[in-house]
């Protein structure tokens, strides 16, 4: 059952690979999520995919859906070639394989990041991400707040490291 749940994440990556980016959901402000005073203020100093997988499994099994800080790494499966404008600014999107069968959508707030023009990540790149893991449903989950800034509802500075080059 666990593998079946994880395998449902891969169709979105396949859509992205096929260039059907208009069928994926754009980033939305996470404002509908309840603010939590007890959100972790730090993450592991090193990549911890097992921590992410544990959090994902807990969410899928009905656990508390509060946004949580993660530090993950892996290879890029797919990249949306064009940045998209949402009500919270310009965003770039890519899918990261955290295991051979589990991928997660990474949302990069381009207005906040010190990075070159999008896309600055390519399929096959080795990437490390610190950000906020959100889970709305099995098909609507990802990691955002991957930039250095913090806000009233999020206190952990994020970043994306691509093949050793860090963008925050």
C-alpha atoms as a PDB file:
ATOM      1  CA  UNK A   1       0.000   0.000   0.000  1.00  0.00           C
ATOM      2  CA  UNK A   2       2.853   2.369   0.838  1.00  0.00           C
ATOM      3  CA  UNK A   3       4.473   1.881  -2.567  1.00  0.00           C
ATOM      4  CA  UNK A   4       1.085   2.374  -4.222  1.00  0.00           C
ATOM      5  CA  UNK A   5       0.633   5.720  -2.455  1.00  0.00           C
ATOM      6  CA  UNK A   6       4.108   6.887  -3.429  1.00  0.00           C
ATOM      7  CA  UNK A   7       3.712   5.769  -7.012  1.00  0.00           C
ATOM      8  CA  UNK A   8       0.799   8.197  -7.367  1.00  0.00           C
ATOM      9  CA  UNK A   9       3.268  11.088  -7.181  1.00  0.00           C
ATOM     10  CA  UNK A  10       5.019  10.151 -10.403  1.00  0.00           C
ATOM     11  CA  UNK A  11       2.215  11.011 -12.918  1.00  0.00           C
ATOM     12  CA  UNK A  12       2.632  14.733 -12.255  1.00  0.00           C
ATOM     13  CA  UNK A  13       6.334  14.433 -13.068  1.00  0.00           C
ATOM     14  CA  UNK A  14       5.444  12.617 -16.282  1.00  0.00           C
ATOM     15  CA  UNK A  15       3.119  15.500 -17.245  1.00  0.00           C
ATOM     16  CA  UNK A  16       5.926  17.943 -16.645  1.00  0.00           C
ATOM     17  CA  UNK A  17       8.319  15.867 -18.740  1.00  0.00           C
ATOM     18  CA  UNK A  18       5.795  15.842 -21.547  1.00  0.00           C
ATOM     19  CA  UNK A  19       5.653  19.634 -21.493  1.00  0.00           C
ATOM     20  CA  UNK A  20       2.090  19.768 -20.188  1.00  0.00           C
ATOM     21  CA  UNK A  21       2.876  22.340 -17.526  1.00  0.00           C
ATOM     22  CA  UNK A  22      -0.525  23.993 -17.908  1.00  0.00           C
ATOM     23  CA  UNK A  23      -2.093  20.886 -16.358  1.00  0.00           C
ATOM     24  CA  UNK A  24      -0.122  21.228 -13.123  1.00  0.00           C
ATOM     25  CA  UNK A  25      -1.325  23.503 -10.355  1.00  0.00           C
ATOM     26  CA  UNK A  26       0.527  26.806  -9.906  1.00  0.00           C
ATOM     27  CA  UNK A  27       1.890  27.716  -6.507  1.00  0.00           C
ATOM     28  CA  UNK A  28      -0.658  29.120  -4.175  1.00  0.00           C
ATOM     29  CA  UNK A  29      -0.099  31.092  -1.031  1.00  0.00           C
ATOM     30  CA  UNK A  30      -0.034  28.741   1.908  1.00  0.00           C
ATOM     31  CA  UNK A  31      -2.217  31.173   3.885  1.00  0.00           C
ATOM     32  CA  UNK A  32      -5.032  28.660   4.221  1.00  0.00           C
ATOM     33  CA  UNK A  33      -2.812  26.521   6.399  1.00  0.00           C
ATOM     34  CA  UNK A  34      -3.148  27.180  10.095  1.00  0.00           C
ATOM     35  CA  UNK A  35      -0.282  29.083  11.623  1.00  0.00           C
ATOM     36  CA  UNK A  36       1.598  27.004  14.122  1.00  0.00           C
ATOM     37  CA  UNK A  37       3.713  28.401  16.921  1.00  0.00           C
ATOM     38  CA  UNK A  38       5.349  25.001  17.458  1.00  0.00           C
ATOM     39  CA  UNK A  39       6.785  24.627  13.925  1.00  0.00           C
ATOM     40  CA  UNK A  40      10.418  23.549  14.080  1.00  0.00           C
ATOM     41  CA  UNK A  41      12.739  26.530  13.831  1.00  0.00           C
ATOM     42  CA  UNK A  42      15.625  24.543  12.327  1.00  0.00           C
ATOM     43  CA  UNK A  43      16.267  21.541  10.123  1.00  0.00           C
ATOM     44  CA  UNK A  44      18.995  18.937  10.049  1.00  0.00           C
ATOM     45  CA  UNK A  45      22.317  20.431   8.888  1.00  0.00           C
ATOM     46  CA  UNK A  46      22.540  17.598   6.342  1.00  0.00           C
ATOM     47  CA  UNK A  47      20.088  16.072   3.894  1.00  0.00           C
ATOM     48  CA  UNK A  48      17.577  13.814   5.675  1.00  0.00           C
ATOM     49  CA  UNK A  49      15.302  12.118   3.137  1.00  0.00           C
ATOM     50  CA  UNK A  50      14.182   9.551   5.705  1.00  0.00           C
ATOM     51  CA  UNK A  51      12.776  12.350   7.896  1.00  0.00           C
ATOM     52  CA  UNK A  52      10.864  13.688   4.896  1.00  0.00           C
ATOM     53  CA  UNK A  53       9.508  10.226   4.018  1.00  0.00           C
ATOM     54  CA  UNK A  54       8.366   9.732   7.626  1.00  0.00           C
ATOM     55  CA  UNK A  55       6.533  13.073   7.577  1.00  0.00           C
ATOM     56  CA  UNK A  56       4.973  12.302   4.200  1.00  0.00           C
ATOM     57  CA  UNK A  57       3.768   8.889   5.376  1.00  0.00           C
ATOM     58  CA  UNK A  58       2.280  10.401   8.553  1.00  0.00           C
ATOM     59  CA  UNK A  59       0.390  12.981   6.473  1.00  0.00           C
ATOM     60  CA  UNK A  60      -0.883  10.314   4.066  1.00  0.00           C
ATOM     61  CA  UNK A  61      -2.095   8.204   6.987  1.00  0.00           C
ATOM     62  CA  UNK A  62      -4.224  11.018   8.404  1.00  0.00           C
ATOM     63  CA  UNK A  63      -1.697  12.681  10.688  1.00  0.00           C
ATOM     64  CA  UNK A  64      -1.582  16.404  11.393  1.00  0.00           C
ATOM     65  CA  UNK A  65      -1.163  18.277   8.093  1.00  0.00           C
ATOM     66  CA  UNK A  66       0.733  21.269   9.505  1.00  0.00           C
ATOM     67  CA  UNK A  67       3.525  22.574   7.257  1.00  0.00           C
ATOM     68  CA  UNK A  68       6.923  21.362   8.405  1.00  0.00           C
ATOM     69  CA  UNK A  69      10.586  22.104   7.676  1.00  0.00           C
ATOM     70  CA  UNK A  70      12.532  19.570   5.592  1.00  0.00           C
ATOM     71  CA  UNK A  71      16.074  19.143   4.289  1.00  0.00           C
ATOM     72  CA  UNK A  72      16.036  16.792   1.286  1.00  0.00           C
ATOM     73  CA  UNK A  73      18.268  15.903  -1.637  1.00  0.00           C
ATOM     74  CA  UNK A  74      18.260  13.908  -4.850  1.00  0.00           C
ATOM     75  CA  UNK A  75      18.292  14.150  -8.637  1.00  0.00           C
ATOM     76  CA  UNK A  76      16.030  16.407 -10.679  1.00  0.00           C
ATOM     77  CA  UNK A  77      13.439  14.406 -12.653  1.00  0.00           C
ATOM     78  CA  UNK A  78      11.757  17.246 -14.546  1.00  0.00           C
ATOM     79  CA  UNK A  79      11.814  21.033 -14.811  1.00  0.00           C
ATOM     80  CA  UNK A  80       9.067  23.401 -15.861  1.00  0.00           C
ATOM     81  CA  UNK A  81      10.857  25.433 -18.550  1.00  0.00           C
ATOM     82  CA  UNK A  82       8.928  28.649 -17.898  1.00  0.00           C
ATOM     83  CA  UNK A  83       8.448  30.520 -14.653  1.00  0.00           C
ATOM     84  CA  UNK A  84       4.826  31.141 -13.696  1.00  0.00           C
ATOM     85  CA  UNK A  85       3.361  34.236 -12.090  1.00  0.00           C
ATOM     86  CA  UNK A  86       0.960  33.631  -9.193  1.00  0.00           C
ATOM     87  CA  UNK A  87      -0.615  35.989  -6.687  1.00  0.00           C
ATOM     88  CA  UNK A  88       2.506  35.564  -4.552  1.00  0.00           C
ATOM     89  CA  UNK A  89       5.014  36.339  -7.349  1.00  0.00           C
ATOM     90  CA  UNK A  90       7.114  34.481  -9.904  1.00  0.00           C
ATOM     91  CA  UNK A  91       7.837  30.798  -9.306  1.00  0.00           C
ATOM     92  CA  UNK A  92       9.957  28.092 -10.888  1.00  0.00           C
ATOM     93  CA  UNK A  93       9.011  24.419 -10.497  1.00  0.00           C
ATOM     94  CA  UNK A  94      10.875  21.133 -10.634  1.00  0.00           C
ATOM     95  CA  UNK A  95      10.453  17.563  -9.414  1.00  0.00           C
ATOM     96  CA  UNK A  96      13.055  15.998  -7.166  1.00  0.00           C
ATOM     97  CA  UNK A  97      13.504  12.227  -6.765  1.00  0.00           C
ATOM     98  CA  UNK A  98      14.104  11.578  -3.051  1.00  0.00           C
ATOM     99  CA  UNK A  99      14.094   7.795  -3.666  1.00  0.00           C
ATOM    100  CA  UNK A 100      13.868   5.792  -6.900  1.00  0.00           C
ATOM    101  CA  UNK A 101      10.053   5.667  -6.474  1.00  0.00           C
ATOM    102  CA  UNK A 102       9.214   8.894  -4.596  1.00  0.00           C
ATOM    103  CA  UNK A 103       9.372  12.388  -6.062  1.00  0.00           C
ATOM    104  CA  UNK A 104       8.247  15.743  -4.711  1.00  0.00           C
ATOM    105  CA  UNK A 105       7.455  19.074  -6.341  1.00  0.00           C
ATOM    106  CA  UNK A 106       9.839  21.908  -5.466  1.00  0.00           C
ATOM    107  CA  UNK A 107       8.492  25.464  -5.691  1.00  0.00           C
ATOM    108  CA  UNK A 108      11.104  28.219  -5.903  1.00  0.00           C
ATOM    109  CA  UNK A 109       9.984  31.789  -5.163  1.00  0.00           C
ATOM    110  CA  UNK A 110      12.057  33.516  -7.822  1.00  0.00           C
ATOM    111  CA  UNK A 111      11.310  37.069  -6.616  1.00  0.00           C
ATOM    112  CA  UNK A 112      12.999  36.211  -3.315  1.00  0.00           C
ATOM    113  CA  UNK A 113      15.963  34.176  -4.541  1.00  0.00           C
ATOM    114  CA  UNK A 114      19.406  35.377  -5.550  1.00  0.00           C
ATOM    115  CA  UNK A 115      19.665  33.239  -8.681  1.00  0.00           C
ATOM    116  CA  UNK A 116      20.086  33.630 -12.444  1.00  0.00           C
ATOM    117  CA  UNK A 117      17.094  33.681 -14.794  1.00  0.00           C
ATOM    118  CA  UNK A 118      14.883  30.588 -14.647  1.00  0.00           C
ATOM    119  CA  UNK A 119      15.548  27.746 -15.267  1.00  0.00           C
ATOM    120  CA  UNK A 120      18.761  27.452 -13.275  1.00  0.00           C
ATOM    121  CA  UNK A 121      18.218  23.751 -12.636  1.00  0.00           C
ATOM    122  CA  UNK A 122      18.196  20.949 -15.240  1.00  0.00           C
ATOM    123  CA  UNK A 123      17.015  17.367 -15.430  1.00  0.00           C
ATOM    124  CA  UNK A 124      19.657  15.124 -13.866  1.00  0.00           C
ATOM    125  CA  UNK A 125      21.172  17.800 -11.609  1.00  0.00           C
ATOM    126  CA  UNK A 126      22.039  16.820  -8.049  1.00  0.00           C
ATOM    127  CA  UNK A 127      20.014  19.098  -5.758  1.00  0.00           C
ATOM    128  CA  UNK A 128      19.728  19.767  -2.025  1.00  0.00           C
ATOM    129  CA  UNK A 129      16.668  21.667  -0.745  1.00  0.00           C
ATOM    130  CA  UNK A 130      15.706  23.241   2.565  1.00  0.00           C
ATOM    131  CA  UNK A 131      12.141  24.489   2.693  1.00  0.00           C
ATOM    132  CA  UNK A 132       8.605  24.050   3.951  1.00  0.00           C
ATOM    133  CA  UNK A 133       6.855  20.760   3.168  1.00  0.00           C
ATOM    134  CA  UNK A 134       3.115  21.239   2.660  1.00  0.00           C
ATOM    135  CA  UNK A 135       0.530  18.517   2.165  1.00  0.00           C
ATOM    136  CA  UNK A 136      -2.975  19.267   0.934  1.00  0.00           C
ATOM    137  CA  UNK A 137      -3.575  15.809  -0.603  1.00  0.00           C
ATOM    138  CA  UNK A 138      -1.629  12.999  -2.257  1.00  0.00           C
ATOM    139  CA  UNK A 139      -1.629  15.005  -5.511  1.00  0.00           C
ATOM    140  CA  UNK A 140      -1.168  18.475  -3.969  1.00  0.00           C
ATOM    141  CA  UNK A 141       1.999  18.475  -1.945  1.00  0.00           C
ATOM    142  CA  UNK A 142       5.433  19.962  -2.314  1.00  0.00           C
ATOM    143  CA  UNK A 143       8.254  21.988  -0.810  1.00  0.00           C
ATOM    144  CA  UNK A 144       8.112  25.789  -0.946  1.00  0.00           C
ATOM    145  CA  UNK A 145       9.824  28.619   1.004  1.00  0.00           C
ATOM    146  CA  UNK A 146      13.078  27.499  -0.640  1.00  0.00           C
ATOM    147  CA  UNK A 147      14.568  30.984  -0.331  1.00  0.00           C
ATOM    148  CA  UNK A 148      16.454  32.872   2.355  1.00  0.00           C
ATOM    149  CA  UNK A 149      13.505  34.987   3.469  1.00  0.00           C
ATOM    150  CA  UNK A 150      11.228  34.262   6.363  1.00  0.00           C
ATOM    151  CA  UNK A 151       7.807  35.592   7.204  1.00  0.00           C
ATOM    152  CA  UNK A 152       5.176  35.932   9.862  1.00  0.00           C
ATOM    153  CA  UNK A 153       4.078  32.333   9.351  1.00  0.00           C
ATOM    154  CA  UNK A 154       7.429  30.739   8.409  1.00  0.00           C
ATOM    155  CA  UNK A 155      10.688  31.149  10.321  1.00  0.00           C
ATOM    156  CA  UNK A 156      13.130  28.757   8.645  1.00  0.00           C
ATOM    157  CA  UNK A 157      15.326  30.250   5.887  1.00  0.00           C
ATOM    158  CA  UNK A 158      15.429  27.950   2.869  1.00  0.00           C
ATOM    159  CA  UNK A 159      17.753  27.374  -0.055  1.00  0.00           C
ATOM    160  CA  UNK A 160      18.377  25.209  -3.111  1.00  0.00           C
ATOM    161  CA  UNK A 161      21.863  23.902  -3.881  1.00  0.00           C
ATOM    162  CA  UNK A 162      22.323  22.734  -7.481  1.00  0.00           C
ATOM    163  CA  UNK A 163      25.482  20.737  -8.239  1.00  0.00           C
ATOM    164  CA  UNK A 164      27.247  22.552  -5.391  1.00  0.00           C
ATOM    165  CA  UNK A 165      25.985  26.089  -6.228  1.00  0.00           C
ATOM    166  CA  UNK A 166      23.688  27.476  -3.550  1.00  0.00           C
ATOM    167  CA  UNK A 167      20.712  29.718  -4.402  1.00  0.00           C
ATOM    168  CA  UNK A 168      18.839  31.433  -1.601  1.00  0.00           C
END
